[in-house]
């Protein structure tokens, strides 16, 4: 399983740990990505919002027909991956790769 960003047919951008599933793929801990203008800079900020906020489930099996596009972990902004791992991983935040000696 690896972290991916999925563009769904309903327009949602979802970040999740993705693996093979019975119907197509399994999304573990899916979060909807929301962007917003950062008032302190000219860049866009982002936040994670629960994808299925009224469910106690942490894993969802969805059909591939609901996915328009998939972005692999190595092609996702490192800051997004670190934020997701901080939320759902061990809680240990690793520094950006260019700071590791």
PDB file of N, CA and C in Angstrom:
ATOM      1  N   UNK A   1       0.843  -1.171   0.000  1.00  0.00           N
ATOM      2  CA  UNK A   1       0.000   0.000   0.000  1.00  0.00           C
ATOM      3  C   UNK A   1       0.893   1.240   0.000  1.00  0.00           C
ATOM      4  N   UNK A   2       0.448   2.249  -0.719  1.00  0.00           N
ATOM      5  CA  UNK A   2       1.207   3.492  -0.767  1.00  0.00           C
ATOM      6  C   UNK A   2       0.252   4.683  -0.714  1.00  0.00           C
ATOM      7  N   UNK A   3       0.799   5.821  -0.349  1.00  0.00           N
ATOM      8  CA  UNK A   3       0.003   7.039  -0.279  1.00  0.00           C
ATOM      9  C   UNK A   3      -0.161   7.595  -1.684  1.00  0.00           C
ATOM     10  N   UNK A   4      -1.406   7.931  -2.032  1.00  0.00           N
ATOM     11  CA  UNK A   4      -1.706   8.476  -3.358  1.00  0.00           C
ATOM     12  C   UNK A   4      -2.737   9.584  -3.218  1.00  0.00           C
ATOM     13  N   UNK A   5      -2.791  10.429  -4.230  1.00  0.00           N
ATOM     14  CA  UNK A   5      -3.875  11.396  -4.330  1.00  0.00           C
ATOM     15  C   UNK A   5      -4.752  10.957  -5.487  1.00  0.00           C
ATOM     16  N   UNK A   6      -6.046  10.874  -5.225  1.00  0.00           N
ATOM     17  CA  UNK A   6      -7.009  10.446  -6.228  1.00  0.00           C
ATOM     18  C   UNK A   6      -7.939  11.605  -6.571  1.00  0.00           C
ATOM     19  N   UNK A   7      -8.218  11.776  -7.843  1.00  0.00           N
ATOM     20  CA  UNK A   7      -9.251  12.712  -8.291  1.00  0.00           C
ATOM     21  C   UNK A   7     -10.457  11.839  -8.601  1.00  0.00           C
ATOM     22  N   UNK A   8     -11.546  12.052  -7.860  1.00  0.00           N
ATOM     23  CA  UNK A   8     -12.746  11.238  -8.036  1.00  0.00           C
ATOM     24  C   UNK A   8     -13.714  11.906  -9.002  1.00  0.00           C
ATOM     25  N   UNK A   9     -14.636  11.123  -9.554  1.00  0.00           N
ATOM     26  CA  UNK A   9     -15.589  11.648 -10.532  1.00  0.00           C
ATOM     27  C   UNK A   9     -16.494  12.725  -9.943  1.00  0.00           C
ATOM     28  N   UNK A  10     -16.680  12.744  -8.618  1.00  0.00           N
ATOM     29  CA  UNK A  10     -17.515  13.773  -7.995  1.00  0.00           C
ATOM     30  C   UNK A  10     -16.749  15.074  -7.760  1.00  0.00           C
ATOM     31  N   UNK A  11     -15.458  15.111  -8.138  1.00  0.00           N
ATOM     32  CA  UNK A  11     -14.651  16.315  -7.990  1.00  0.00           C
ATOM     33  C   UNK A  11     -13.759  16.319  -6.772  1.00  0.00           C
ATOM     34  N   UNK A  12     -13.937  15.385  -5.856  1.00  0.00           N
ATOM     35  CA  UNK A  12     -13.106  15.337  -4.649  1.00  0.00           C
ATOM     36  C   UNK A  12     -11.665  14.990  -4.996  1.00  0.00           C
ATOM     37  N   UNK A  13     -10.724  15.658  -4.320  1.00  0.00           N
ATOM     38  CA  UNK A  13      -9.318  15.262  -4.313  1.00  0.00           C
ATOM     39  C   UNK A  13      -9.101  14.581  -2.974  1.00  0.00           C
ATOM     40  N   UNK A  14      -8.697  13.318  -3.015  1.00  0.00           N
ATOM     41  CA  UNK A  14      -8.578  12.514  -1.804  1.00  0.00           C
ATOM     42  C   UNK A  14      -7.150  12.011  -1.676  1.00  0.00           C
ATOM     43  N   UNK A  15      -6.577  12.170  -0.476  1.00  0.00           N
ATOM     44  CA  UNK A  15      -5.284  11.567  -0.177  1.00  0.00           C
ATOM     45  C   UNK A  15      -5.553  10.390   0.749  1.00  0.00           C
ATOM     46  N   UNK A  16      -4.930   9.247   0.456  1.00  0.00           N
ATOM     47  CA  UNK A  16      -5.177   8.037   1.239  1.00  0.00           C
ATOM     48  C   UNK A  16      -4.040   7.052   1.019  1.00  0.00           C
ATOM     49  N   UNK A  17      -3.972   6.080   1.902  1.00  0.00           N
ATOM     50  CA  UNK A  17      -3.121   4.933   1.668  1.00  0.00           C
ATOM     51  C   UNK A  17      -3.959   3.975   0.825  1.00  0.00           C
ATOM     52  N   UNK A  18      -3.451   3.615  -0.349  1.00  0.00           N
ATOM     53  CA  UNK A  18      -4.249   2.892  -1.336  1.00  0.00           C
ATOM     54  C   UNK A  18      -3.658   1.513  -1.603  1.00  0.00           C
ATOM     55  N   UNK A  19      -4.534   0.520  -1.687  1.00  0.00           N
ATOM     56  CA  UNK A  19      -4.133  -0.836  -2.022  1.00  0.00           C
ATOM     57  C   UNK A  19      -5.214  -1.513  -2.845  1.00  0.00           C
ATOM     58  N   UNK A  20      -4.965  -2.753  -3.242  1.00  0.00           N
ATOM     59  CA  UNK A  20      -5.936  -3.513  -4.023  1.00  0.00           C
ATOM     60  C   UNK A  20      -7.098  -3.927  -3.128  1.00  0.00           C
ATOM     61  N   UNK A  21      -8.301  -3.943  -3.720  1.00  0.00           N
ATOM     62  CA  UNK A  21      -9.487  -4.304  -2.956  1.00  0.00           C
ATOM     63  C   UNK A  21     -10.389  -5.222  -3.735  1.00  0.00           C
ATOM     64  N   UNK A  22     -11.458  -5.644  -3.110  1.00  0.00           N
ATOM     65  CA  UNK A  22     -12.409  -6.552  -3.730  1.00  0.00           C
ATOM     66  C   UNK A  22     -13.136  -5.957  -4.920  1.00  0.00           C
ATOM     67  N   UNK A  23     -13.539  -4.675  -4.836  1.00  0.00           N
ATOM     68  CA  UNK A  23     -14.259  -4.025  -5.926  1.00  0.00           C
ATOM     69  C   UNK A  23     -13.330  -3.263  -6.858  1.00  0.00           C
ATOM     70  N   UNK A  24     -12.161  -2.956  -6.425  1.00  0.00           N
ATOM     71  CA  UNK A  24     -11.233  -2.152  -7.208  1.00  0.00           C
ATOM     72  C   UNK A  24     -10.037  -1.764  -6.372  1.00  0.00           C
ATOM     73  N   UNK A  25     -10.213  -0.761  -5.488  1.00  0.00           N
ATOM     74  CA  UNK A  25      -9.142  -0.339  -4.605  1.00  0.00           C
ATOM     75  C   UNK A  25      -9.683  -0.088  -3.206  1.00  0.00           C
ATOM     76  N   UNK A  26      -8.782  -0.157  -2.229  1.00  0.00           N
ATOM     77  CA  UNK A  26      -9.125   0.126  -0.841  1.00  0.00           C
ATOM     78  C   UNK A  26      -8.443   1.421  -0.444  1.00  0.00           C
ATOM     79  N   UNK A  27      -9.215   2.340   0.135  1.00  0.00           N
ATOM     80  CA  UNK A  27      -8.684   3.586   0.657  1.00  0.00           C
ATOM     81  C   UNK A  27      -8.619   3.470   2.171  1.00  0.00           C
ATOM     82  N   UNK A  28      -7.417   3.556   2.726  1.00  0.00           N
ATOM     83  CA  UNK A  28      -7.228   3.540   4.180  1.00  0.00           C
ATOM     84  C   UNK A  28      -7.051   4.976   4.638  1.00  0.00           C
ATOM     85  N   UNK A  29      -7.786   5.390   5.636  1.00  0.00           N
ATOM     86  CA  UNK A  29      -7.714   6.739   6.198  1.00  0.00           C
ATOM     87  C   UNK A  29      -7.800   7.829   5.124  1.00  0.00           C
ATOM     88  N   UNK A  30      -8.831   7.797   4.287  1.00  0.00           N
ATOM     89  CA  UNK A  30      -8.931   8.812   3.231  1.00  0.00           C
ATOM     90  C   UNK A  30      -9.296  10.182   3.799  1.00  0.00           C
ATOM     91  N   UNK A  31      -8.652  11.199   3.274  1.00  0.00           N
ATOM     92  CA  UNK A  31      -8.925  12.580   3.660  1.00  0.00           C
ATOM     93  C   UNK A  31      -9.121  13.406   2.396  1.00  0.00           C
ATOM     94  N   UNK A  32     -10.118  14.261   2.415  1.00  0.00           N
ATOM     95  CA  UNK A  32     -10.361  15.169   1.300  1.00  0.00           C
ATOM     96  C   UNK A  32      -9.389  16.337   1.417  1.00  0.00           C
ATOM     97  N   UNK A  33      -8.773  16.701   0.310  1.00  0.00           N
ATOM     98  CA  UNK A  33      -7.847  17.828   0.289  1.00  0.00           C
ATOM     99  C   UNK A  33      -8.613  19.091  -0.060  1.00  0.00           C
ATOM    100  N   UNK A  34      -8.461  20.100   0.760  1.00  0.00           N
ATOM    101  CA  UNK A  34      -9.073  21.398   0.499  1.00  0.00           C
ATOM    102  C   UNK A  34      -7.950  22.425   0.420  1.00  0.00           C
ATOM    103  N   UNK A  35      -7.977  23.255  -0.609  1.00  0.00           N
ATOM    104  CA  UNK A  35      -6.973  24.311  -0.716  1.00  0.00           C
ATOM    105  C   UNK A  35      -7.617  25.649  -0.396  1.00  0.00           C
ATOM    106  N   UNK A  36      -6.788  26.578   0.049  1.00  0.00           N
ATOM    107  CA  UNK A  36      -7.262  27.911   0.398  1.00  0.00           C
ATOM    108  C   UNK A  36      -6.114  28.892   0.199  1.00  0.00           C
ATOM    109  N   UNK A  37      -6.420  30.142  -0.097  1.00  0.00           N
ATOM    110  CA  UNK A  37      -5.339  31.120  -0.253  1.00  0.00           C
ATOM    111  C   UNK A  37      -4.718  31.439   1.109  1.00  0.00           C
ATOM    112  N   UNK A  38      -3.419  31.320   1.199  1.00  0.00           N
ATOM    113  CA  UNK A  38      -2.703  31.610   2.435  1.00  0.00           C
ATOM    114  C   UNK A  38      -2.539  33.123   2.559  1.00  0.00           C
ATOM    115  N   UNK A  39      -3.113  33.734   3.598  1.00  0.00           N
ATOM    116  CA  UNK A  39      -3.049  35.196   3.721  1.00  0.00           C
ATOM    117  C   UNK A  39      -1.635  35.723   3.974  1.00  0.00           C
ATOM    118  N   UNK A  40      -0.724  34.854   4.433  1.00  0.00           N
ATOM    119  CA  UNK A  40       0.643  35.284   4.734  1.00  0.00           C
ATOM    120  C   UNK A  40       1.596  35.164   3.547  1.00  0.00           C
ATOM    121  N   UNK A  41       1.145  34.549   2.473  1.00  0.00           N
ATOM    122  CA  UNK A  41       1.992  34.413   1.286  1.00  0.00           C
ATOM    123  C   UNK A  41       1.100  34.392   0.052  1.00  0.00           C
ATOM    124  N   UNK A  42       1.709  34.286  -1.103  1.00  0.00           N
ATOM    125  CA  UNK A  42       0.946  34.223  -2.348  1.00  0.00           C
ATOM    126  C   UNK A  42       0.666  32.790  -2.761  1.00  0.00           C
ATOM    127  N   UNK A  43       1.049  31.846  -1.909  1.00  0.00           N
ATOM    128  CA  UNK A  43       0.848  30.438  -2.214  1.00  0.00           C
ATOM    129  C   UNK A  43      -0.489  29.959  -1.659  1.00  0.00           C
ATOM    130  N   UNK A  44      -0.910  28.811  -2.152  1.00  0.00           N
ATOM    131  CA  UNK A  44      -2.124  28.186  -1.648  1.00  0.00           C
ATOM    132  C   UNK A  44      -1.762  27.286  -0.469  1.00  0.00           C
ATOM    133  N   UNK A  45      -2.592  27.322   0.562  1.00  0.00           N
ATOM    134  CA  UNK A  45      -2.444  26.408   1.673  1.00  0.00           C
ATOM    135  C   UNK A  45      -3.360  25.215   1.466  1.00  0.00           C
ATOM    136  N   UNK A  46      -3.259  24.222   2.297  1.00  0.00           N
ATOM    137  CA  UNK A  46      -4.137  23.051   2.191  1.00  0.00           C
ATOM    138  C   UNK A  46      -4.496  22.566   3.580  1.00  0.00           C
ATOM    139  N   UNK A  47      -5.601  21.845   3.636  1.00  0.00           N
ATOM    140  CA  UNK A  47      -6.008  21.198   4.880  1.00  0.00           C
ATOM    141  C   UNK A  47      -6.664  19.873   4.546  1.00  0.00           C
ATOM    142  N   UNK A  48      -6.635  18.978   5.526  1.00  0.00           N
ATOM    143  CA  UNK A  48      -7.265  17.674   5.395  1.00  0.00           C
ATOM    144  C   UNK A  48      -8.629  17.718   6.064  1.00  0.00           C
ATOM    145  N   UNK A  49      -9.634  17.183   5.374  1.00  0.00           N
ATOM    146  CA  UNK A  49     -10.983  17.075   5.916  1.00  0.00           C
ATOM    147  C   UNK A  49     -11.399  15.611   5.775  1.00  0.00           C
ATOM    148  N   UNK A  50     -12.004  15.012   6.788  1.00  0.00           N
ATOM    149  CA  UNK A  50     -12.418  13.606   6.654  1.00  0.00           C
ATOM    150  C   UNK A  50     -13.265  13.403   5.395  1.00  0.00           C
ATOM    151  N   UNK A  51     -12.948  12.372   4.647  1.00  0.00           N
ATOM    152  CA  UNK A  51     -13.655  12.088   3.400  1.00  0.00           C
ATOM    153  C   UNK A  51     -15.067  11.571   3.667  1.00  0.00           C
ATOM    154  N   UNK A  52     -15.209  10.754   4.679  1.00  0.00           N
ATOM    155  CA  UNK A  52     -16.526  10.229   5.071  1.00  0.00           C
ATOM    156  C   UNK A  52     -16.724  10.580   6.547  1.00  0.00           C
ATOM    157  N   UNK A  53     -17.059  11.845   6.833  1.00  0.00           N
ATOM    158  CA  UNK A  53     -17.046  12.314   8.218  1.00  0.00           C
ATOM    159  C   UNK A  53     -18.047  11.644   9.150  1.00  0.00           C
ATOM    160  N   UNK A  54     -19.076  11.000   8.621  1.00  0.00           N
ATOM    161  CA  UNK A  54     -20.100  10.404   9.486  1.00  0.00           C
ATOM    162  C   UNK A  54     -19.921   8.905   9.657  1.00  0.00           C
ATOM    163  N   UNK A  55     -18.815   8.383   9.154  1.00  0.00           N
ATOM    164  CA  UNK A  55     -18.546   6.955   9.249  1.00  0.00           C
ATOM    165  C   UNK A  55     -17.465   6.683  10.287  1.00  0.00           C
ATOM    166  N   UNK A  56     -17.611   5.578  11.000  1.00  0.00           N
ATOM    167  CA  UNK A  56     -16.572   5.148  11.934  1.00  0.00           C
ATOM    168  C   UNK A  56     -15.510   4.308  11.230  1.00  0.00           C
ATOM    169  N   UNK A  57     -15.781   3.961   9.973  1.00  0.00           N
ATOM    170  CA  UNK A  57     -14.845   3.142   9.203  1.00  0.00           C
ATOM    171  C   UNK A  57     -13.572   3.918   8.888  1.00  0.00           C
ATOM    172  N   UNK A  58     -12.461   3.210   8.781  1.00  0.00           N
ATOM    173  CA  UNK A  58     -11.196   3.812   8.385  1.00  0.00           C
ATOM    174  C   UNK A  58     -10.750   3.295   7.019  1.00  0.00           C
ATOM    175  N   UNK A  59     -11.488   2.322   6.490  1.00  0.00           N
ATOM    176  CA  UNK A  59     -11.133   1.669   5.236  1.00  0.00           C
ATOM    177  C   UNK A  59     -12.364   1.603   4.339  1.00  0.00           C
ATOM    178  N   UNK A  60     -12.175   1.965   3.050  1.00  0.00           N
ATOM    179  CA  UNK A  60     -13.289   2.002   2.104  1.00  0.00           C
ATOM    180  C   UNK A  60     -12.877   1.316   0.808  1.00  0.00           C
ATOM    181  N   UNK A  61     -13.691   0.418   0.342  1.00  0.00           N
ATOM    182  CA  UNK A  61     -13.467  -0.304  -0.908  1.00  0.00           C
ATOM    183  C   UNK A  61     -14.290   0.404  -1.988  1.00  0.00           C
ATOM    184  N   UNK A  62     -13.621   0.969  -3.001  1.00  0.00           N
ATOM    185  CA  UNK A  62     -14.352   1.668  -4.057  1.00  0.00           C
ATOM    186  C   UNK A  62     -13.999   1.099  -5.426  1.00  0.00           C
ATOM    187  N   UNK A  63     -14.909   1.279  -6.364  1.00  0.00           N
ATOM    188  CA  UNK A  63     -14.685   0.820  -7.728  1.00  0.00           C
ATOM    189  C   UNK A  63     -13.786   1.802  -8.464  1.00  0.00           C
ATOM    190  N   UNK A  64     -12.970   1.277  -9.357  1.00  0.00           N
ATOM    191  CA  UNK A  64     -12.066   2.126 -10.137  1.00  0.00           C
ATOM    192  C   UNK A  64     -12.820   3.092 -11.048  1.00  0.00           C
ATOM    193  N   UNK A  65     -14.075   2.798 -11.360  1.00  0.00           N
ATOM    194  CA  UNK A  65     -14.857   3.692 -12.213  1.00  0.00           C
ATOM    195  C   UNK A  65     -15.125   5.033 -11.537  1.00  0.00           C
ATOM    196  N   UNK A  66     -14.890   5.123 -10.231  1.00  0.00           N
ATOM    197  CA  UNK A  66     -15.086   6.377  -9.497  1.00  0.00           C
ATOM    198  C   UNK A  66     -13.826   7.250  -9.480  1.00  0.00           C
ATOM    199  N   UNK A  67     -12.740   6.734 -10.061  1.00  0.00           N
ATOM    200  CA  UNK A  67     -11.454   7.441 -10.046  1.00  0.00           C
ATOM    201  C   UNK A  67     -11.137   7.961 -11.444  1.00  0.00           C
ATOM    202  N   UNK A  68     -10.884   9.274 -11.540  1.00  0.00           N
ATOM    203  CA  UNK A  68     -10.498   9.880 -12.820  1.00  0.00           C
ATOM    204  C   UNK A  68      -8.989   9.824 -13.000  1.00  0.00           C
ATOM    205  N   UNK A  69      -8.256  10.129 -11.922  1.00  0.00           N
ATOM    206  CA  UNK A  69      -6.803  10.224 -12.013  1.00  0.00           C
ATOM    207  C   UNK A  69      -6.171   9.831 -10.688  1.00  0.00           C
ATOM    208  N   UNK A  70      -4.988   9.238 -10.762  1.00  0.00           N
ATOM    209  CA  UNK A  70      -4.225   8.863  -9.569  1.00  0.00           C
ATOM    210  C   UNK A  70      -2.833   9.482  -9.664  1.00  0.00           C
ATOM    211  N   UNK A  71      -2.398  10.123  -8.584  1.00  0.00           N
ATOM    212  CA  UNK A  71      -1.036  10.652  -8.507  1.00  0.00           C
ATOM    213  C   UNK A  71      -0.272   9.805  -7.502  1.00  0.00           C
ATOM    214  N   UNK A  72       0.847   9.249  -7.950  1.00  0.00           N
ATOM    215  CA  UNK A  72       1.655   8.375  -7.114  1.00  0.00           C
ATOM    216  C   UNK A  72       2.401   9.189  -6.052  1.00  0.00           C
ATOM    217  N   UNK A  73       2.765   8.533  -4.962  1.00  0.00           N
ATOM    218  CA  UNK A  73       3.409   9.190  -3.818  1.00  0.00           C
ATOM    219  C   UNK A  73       4.651   9.989  -4.217  1.00  0.00           C
ATOM    220  N   UNK A  74       5.478   9.437  -5.085  1.00  0.00           N
ATOM    221  CA  UNK A  74       6.714  10.133  -5.454  1.00  0.00           C
ATOM    222  C   UNK A  74       6.461  11.408  -6.270  1.00  0.00           C
ATOM    223  N   UNK A  75       5.247  11.567  -6.800  1.00  0.00           N
ATOM    224  CA  UNK A  75       4.898  12.753  -7.578  1.00  0.00           C
ATOM    225  C   UNK A  75       4.063  13.757  -6.786  1.00  0.00           C
ATOM    226  N   UNK A  76       3.841  13.483  -5.506  1.00  0.00           N
ATOM    227  CA  UNK A  76       3.046  14.360  -4.646  1.00  0.00           C
ATOM    228  C   UNK A  76       3.993  15.274  -3.876  1.00  0.00           C
ATOM    229  N   UNK A  77       3.573  16.510  -3.657  1.00  0.00           N
ATOM    230  CA  UNK A  77       4.352  17.464  -2.875  1.00  0.00           C
ATOM    231  C   UNK A  77       4.744  16.842  -1.540  1.00  0.00           C
ATOM    232  N   UNK A  78       6.021  16.953  -1.204  1.00  0.00           N
ATOM    233  CA  UNK A  78       6.544  16.318   0.010  1.00  0.00           C
ATOM    234  C   UNK A  78       5.872  16.839   1.278  1.00  0.00           C
ATOM    235  N   UNK A  79       5.481  18.093   1.281  1.00  0.00           N
ATOM    236  CA  UNK A  79       4.809  18.679   2.436  1.00  0.00           C
ATOM    237  C   UNK A  79       3.448  18.009   2.677  1.00  0.00           C
ATOM    238  N   UNK A  80       2.727  17.694   1.591  1.00  0.00           N
ATOM    239  CA  UNK A  80       1.452  16.988   1.738  1.00  0.00           C
ATOM    240  C   UNK A  80       1.658  15.606   2.343  1.00  0.00           C
ATOM    241  N   UNK A  81       2.660  14.893   1.832  1.00  0.00           N
ATOM    242  CA  UNK A  81       2.934  13.539   2.327  1.00  0.00           C
ATOM    243  C   UNK A  81       3.322  13.592   3.805  1.00  0.00           C
ATOM    244  N   UNK A  82       4.187  14.525   4.183  1.00  0.00           N
ATOM    245  CA  UNK A  82       4.591  14.651   5.583  1.00  0.00           C
ATOM    246  C   UNK A  82       3.392  14.966   6.480  1.00  0.00           C
ATOM    247  N   UNK A  83       2.509  15.855   6.026  1.00  0.00           N
ATOM    248  CA  UNK A  83       1.322  16.183   6.807  1.00  0.00           C
ATOM    249  C   UNK A  83       0.408  14.984   6.985  1.00  0.00           C
ATOM    250  N   UNK A  84       0.232  14.205   5.918  1.00  0.00           N
ATOM    251  CA  UNK A  84      -0.610  13.014   5.996  1.00  0.00           C
ATOM    252  C   UNK A  84       0.013  11.985   6.940  1.00  0.00           C
ATOM    253  N   UNK A  85       1.321  11.761   6.795  1.00  0.00           N
ATOM    254  CA  UNK A  85       1.992  10.790   7.669  1.00  0.00           C
ATOM    255  C   UNK A  85       1.965  11.237   9.128  1.00  0.00           C
ATOM    256  N   UNK A  86       2.074  12.535   9.360  1.00  0.00           N
ATOM    257  CA  UNK A  86       2.024  13.043  10.724  1.00  0.00           C
ATOM    258  C   UNK A  86       0.653  12.763  11.330  1.00  0.00           C
ATOM    259  N   UNK A  87      -0.399  12.858  10.511  1.00  0.00           N
ATOM    260  CA  UNK A  87      -1.757  12.624  10.978  1.00  0.00           C
ATOM    261  C   UNK A  87      -2.047  11.136  11.182  1.00  0.00           C
ATOM    262  N   UNK A  88      -1.618  10.289  10.241  1.00  0.00           N
ATOM    263  CA  UNK A  88      -2.005   8.871  10.282  1.00  0.00           C
ATOM    264  C   UNK A  88      -0.863   7.898  10.486  1.00  0.00           C
ATOM    265  N   UNK A  89       0.361   8.396  10.534  1.00  0.00           N
ATOM    266  CA  UNK A  89       1.496   7.500  10.715  1.00  0.00           C
ATOM    267  C   UNK A  89       1.873   7.368  12.172  1.00  0.00           C
ATOM    268  N   UNK A  90       3.151   7.282  12.395  1.00  0.00           N
ATOM    269  CA  UNK A  90       3.662   7.093  13.751  1.00  0.00           C
ATOM    270  C   UNK A  90       3.609   8.371  14.574  1.00  0.00           C
ATOM    271  N   UNK A  91       3.363   9.519  13.901  1.00  0.00           N
ATOM    272  CA  UNK A  91       3.394  10.791  14.602  1.00  0.00           C
ATOM    273  C   UNK A  91       4.773  11.417  14.583  1.00  0.00           C
ATOM    274  N   UNK A  92       5.756  10.668  14.067  1.00  0.00           N
ATOM    275  CA  UNK A  92       7.113  11.179  13.948  1.00  0.00           C
ATOM    276  C   UNK A  92       7.229  11.919  12.631  1.00  0.00           C
ATOM    277  N   UNK A  93       7.611  13.169  12.698  1.00  0.00           N
ATOM    278  CA  UNK A  93       7.745  13.969  11.487  1.00  0.00           C
ATOM    279  C   UNK A  93       9.186  13.915  11.023  1.00  0.00           C
ATOM    280  N   UNK A  94       9.402  13.487   9.775  1.00  0.00           N
ATOM    281  CA  UNK A  94      10.745  13.440   9.218  1.00  0.00           C
ATOM    282  C   UNK A  94      11.038  14.746   8.498  1.00  0.00           C
ATOM    283  N   UNK A  95      12.290  15.203   8.561  1.00  0.00           N
ATOM    284  CA  UNK A  95      12.624  16.452   7.870  1.00  0.00           C
ATOM    285  C   UNK A  95      12.632  16.248   6.371  1.00  0.00           C
ATOM    286  N   UNK A  96      12.522  17.344   5.605  1.00  0.00           N
ATOM    287  CA  UNK A  96      12.614  17.223   4.148  1.00  0.00           C
ATOM    288  C   UNK A  96      13.911  16.543   3.753  1.00  0.00           C
ATOM    289  N   UNK A  97      13.887  15.798   2.656  1.00  0.00           N
ATOM    290  CA  UNK A  97      15.049  15.001   2.240  1.00  0.00           C
ATOM    291  C   UNK A  97      16.299  15.851   2.018  1.00  0.00           C
ATOM    292  N   UNK A  98      16.145  17.106   1.615  1.00  0.00           N
ATOM    293  CA  UNK A  98      17.327  17.936   1.366  1.00  0.00           C
ATOM    294  C   UNK A  98      18.004  18.368   2.680  1.00  0.00           C
ATOM    295  N   UNK A  99      17.366  18.145   3.820  1.00  0.00           N
ATOM    296  CA  UNK A  99      17.961  18.478   5.105  1.00  0.00           C
ATOM    297  C   UNK A  99      18.597  17.277   5.792  1.00  0.00           C
ATOM    298  N   UNK A 100      18.423  16.083   5.236  1.00  0.00           N
ATOM    299  CA  UNK A 100      18.973  14.868   5.818  1.00  0.00           C
ATOM    300  C   UNK A 100      20.395  14.686   5.284  1.00  0.00           C
ATOM    301  N   UNK A 101      21.345  14.516   6.203  1.00  0.00           N
ATOM    302  CA  UNK A 101      22.745  14.335   5.807  1.00  0.00           C
ATOM    303  C   UNK A 101      23.100  12.888   5.733  1.00  0.00           C
TER     304      UNK A 101
END
